[in-house]
């Protein structure tokens, strides 16, 4: 993957086929462990406004932002959500 860095981009805004397994993982998180859709969207909106989001990954912790946001008991390393 030889793409320029995309600041403040989520995986869904990059090569969707390449990250298909990430979305399959998110889809398979048990419902009781998954953030509600409105909370997921709220978290991702905050991630998109963060300077540490690069190519869908959080530069603070190294996670895929969309995976972290999908899990109910996860938190932002900056404490934004």
C-alpha atoms as a PDB file:
ATOM      1  CA  UNK A   1       0.000   0.000   0.000  1.00  0.00           C
ATOM      2  CA  UNK A   2       1.902   2.968  -1.278  1.00  0.00           C
ATOM      3  CA  UNK A   3      -0.568   5.801  -0.713  1.00  0.00           C
ATOM      4  CA  UNK A   4       0.118   9.251   0.656  1.00  0.00           C
ATOM      5  CA  UNK A   5      -0.857   9.784   4.275  1.00  0.00           C
ATOM      6  CA  UNK A   6      -4.468  10.787   4.647  1.00  0.00           C
ATOM      7  CA  UNK A   7      -4.840  12.944   7.728  1.00  0.00           C
ATOM      8  CA  UNK A   8      -8.194  12.705   9.464  1.00  0.00           C
ATOM      9  CA  UNK A   9      -9.396   9.878   7.208  1.00  0.00           C
ATOM     10  CA  UNK A  10     -11.253   6.820   8.375  1.00  0.00           C
ATOM     11  CA  UNK A  11     -10.669   3.423   6.792  1.00  0.00           C
ATOM     12  CA  UNK A  12     -13.977   3.638   4.943  1.00  0.00           C
ATOM     13  CA  UNK A  13     -12.606   6.667   3.102  1.00  0.00           C
ATOM     14  CA  UNK A  14      -9.529   4.771   1.931  1.00  0.00           C
ATOM     15  CA  UNK A  15      -9.328   1.559  -0.134  1.00  0.00           C
ATOM     16  CA  UNK A  16     -12.494  -0.224   1.008  1.00  0.00           C
ATOM     17  CA  UNK A  17     -11.530  -3.629  -0.376  1.00  0.00           C
ATOM     18  CA  UNK A  18      -8.196  -3.627   1.442  1.00  0.00           C
ATOM     19  CA  UNK A  19      -9.885  -3.004   4.801  1.00  0.00           C
ATOM     20  CA  UNK A  20     -12.830  -5.364   4.250  1.00  0.00           C
ATOM     21  CA  UNK A  21     -11.645  -7.706   7.024  1.00  0.00           C
ATOM     22  CA  UNK A  22     -11.698  -4.825   9.536  1.00  0.00           C
ATOM     23  CA  UNK A  23     -15.385  -4.224   8.807  1.00  0.00           C
ATOM     24  CA  UNK A  24     -16.095  -7.952   9.021  1.00  0.00           C
ATOM     25  CA  UNK A  25     -14.453  -7.914  12.453  1.00  0.00           C
ATOM     26  CA  UNK A  26     -16.612  -4.933  13.538  1.00  0.00           C
ATOM     27  CA  UNK A  27     -19.753  -6.659  12.234  1.00  0.00           C
ATOM     28  CA  UNK A  28     -18.920  -9.733  14.329  1.00  0.00           C
ATOM     29  CA  UNK A  29     -18.464  -7.941  17.651  1.00  0.00           C
ATOM     30  CA  UNK A  30     -21.185  -9.324  19.954  1.00  0.00           C
ATOM     31  CA  UNK A  31     -24.059  -6.848  20.358  1.00  0.00           C
ATOM     32  CA  UNK A  32     -23.581  -6.600  24.121  1.00  0.00           C
ATOM     33  CA  UNK A  33     -19.985  -5.464  23.509  1.00  0.00           C
ATOM     34  CA  UNK A  34     -20.785  -3.059  20.668  1.00  0.00           C
ATOM     35  CA  UNK A  35     -21.399   0.671  21.018  1.00  0.00           C
ATOM     36  CA  UNK A  36     -24.859   1.777  19.849  1.00  0.00           C
ATOM     37  CA  UNK A  37     -24.830   3.172  16.282  1.00  0.00           C
ATOM     38  CA  UNK A  38     -25.369   6.790  17.401  1.00  0.00           C
ATOM     39  CA  UNK A  39     -22.496   6.512  19.903  1.00  0.00           C
ATOM     40  CA  UNK A  40     -20.267   4.914  17.254  1.00  0.00           C
ATOM     41  CA  UNK A  41     -20.996   7.809  14.875  1.00  0.00           C
ATOM     42  CA  UNK A  42     -20.379  10.374  17.628  1.00  0.00           C
ATOM     43  CA  UNK A  43     -17.033   8.801  18.475  1.00  0.00           C
ATOM     44  CA  UNK A  44     -15.948   8.685  14.842  1.00  0.00           C
ATOM     45  CA  UNK A  45     -16.881  12.344  14.355  1.00  0.00           C
ATOM     46  CA  UNK A  46     -14.560  13.212  17.239  1.00  0.00           C
ATOM     47  CA  UNK A  47     -11.810  11.026  15.772  1.00  0.00           C
ATOM     48  CA  UNK A  48     -12.198  12.760  12.397  1.00  0.00           C
ATOM     49  CA  UNK A  49     -11.557  16.117  14.067  1.00  0.00           C
ATOM     50  CA  UNK A  50      -8.372  14.862  15.739  1.00  0.00           C
ATOM     51  CA  UNK A  51      -4.918  15.635  14.328  1.00  0.00           C
ATOM     52  CA  UNK A  52      -3.721  12.194  15.454  1.00  0.00           C
ATOM     53  CA  UNK A  53      -5.969  10.304  13.002  1.00  0.00           C
ATOM     54  CA  UNK A  54      -3.836   9.200  10.063  1.00  0.00           C
ATOM     55  CA  UNK A  55      -4.864   6.616   7.468  1.00  0.00           C
ATOM     56  CA  UNK A  56      -7.634   5.409   9.763  1.00  0.00           C
ATOM     57  CA  UNK A  57      -5.265   4.795  12.663  1.00  0.00           C
ATOM     58  CA  UNK A  58      -4.848   6.646  15.928  1.00  0.00           C
ATOM     59  CA  UNK A  59      -1.256   7.873  16.185  1.00  0.00           C
ATOM     60  CA  UNK A  60      -1.555   7.852  19.992  1.00  0.00           C
ATOM     61  CA  UNK A  61      -2.353   4.176  20.505  1.00  0.00           C
ATOM     62  CA  UNK A  62      -1.925   2.591  17.061  1.00  0.00           C
ATOM     63  CA  UNK A  63      -5.466   1.221  16.850  1.00  0.00           C
ATOM     64  CA  UNK A  64      -7.843   1.395  13.923  1.00  0.00           C
ATOM     65  CA  UNK A  65     -10.165   4.178  15.088  1.00  0.00           C
ATOM     66  CA  UNK A  66     -13.254   2.479  13.703  1.00  0.00           C
ATOM     67  CA  UNK A  67     -12.561  -0.716  15.673  1.00  0.00           C
ATOM     68  CA  UNK A  68     -11.928   1.135  18.936  1.00  0.00           C
ATOM     69  CA  UNK A  69     -15.044   3.285  18.439  1.00  0.00           C
ATOM     70  CA  UNK A  70     -17.172   0.192  17.784  1.00  0.00           C
ATOM     71  CA  UNK A  71     -16.359  -1.409  21.143  1.00  0.00           C
ATOM     72  CA  UNK A  72     -18.604  -0.259  23.965  1.00  0.00           C
ATOM     73  CA  UNK A  73     -15.994  -0.308  26.743  1.00  0.00           C
ATOM     74  CA  UNK A  74     -13.161   1.352  24.812  1.00  0.00           C
ATOM     75  CA  UNK A  75     -12.065   4.945  25.368  1.00  0.00           C
ATOM     76  CA  UNK A  76     -10.127   7.540  23.408  1.00  0.00           C
ATOM     77  CA  UNK A  77      -6.473   7.779  24.531  1.00  0.00           C
ATOM     78  CA  UNK A  78      -6.937  11.582  24.664  1.00  0.00           C
ATOM     79  CA  UNK A  79     -10.152  11.261  26.693  1.00  0.00           C
ATOM     80  CA  UNK A  80     -12.297  12.855  23.965  1.00  0.00           C
ATOM     81  CA  UNK A  81     -14.873  10.067  24.296  1.00  0.00           C
END
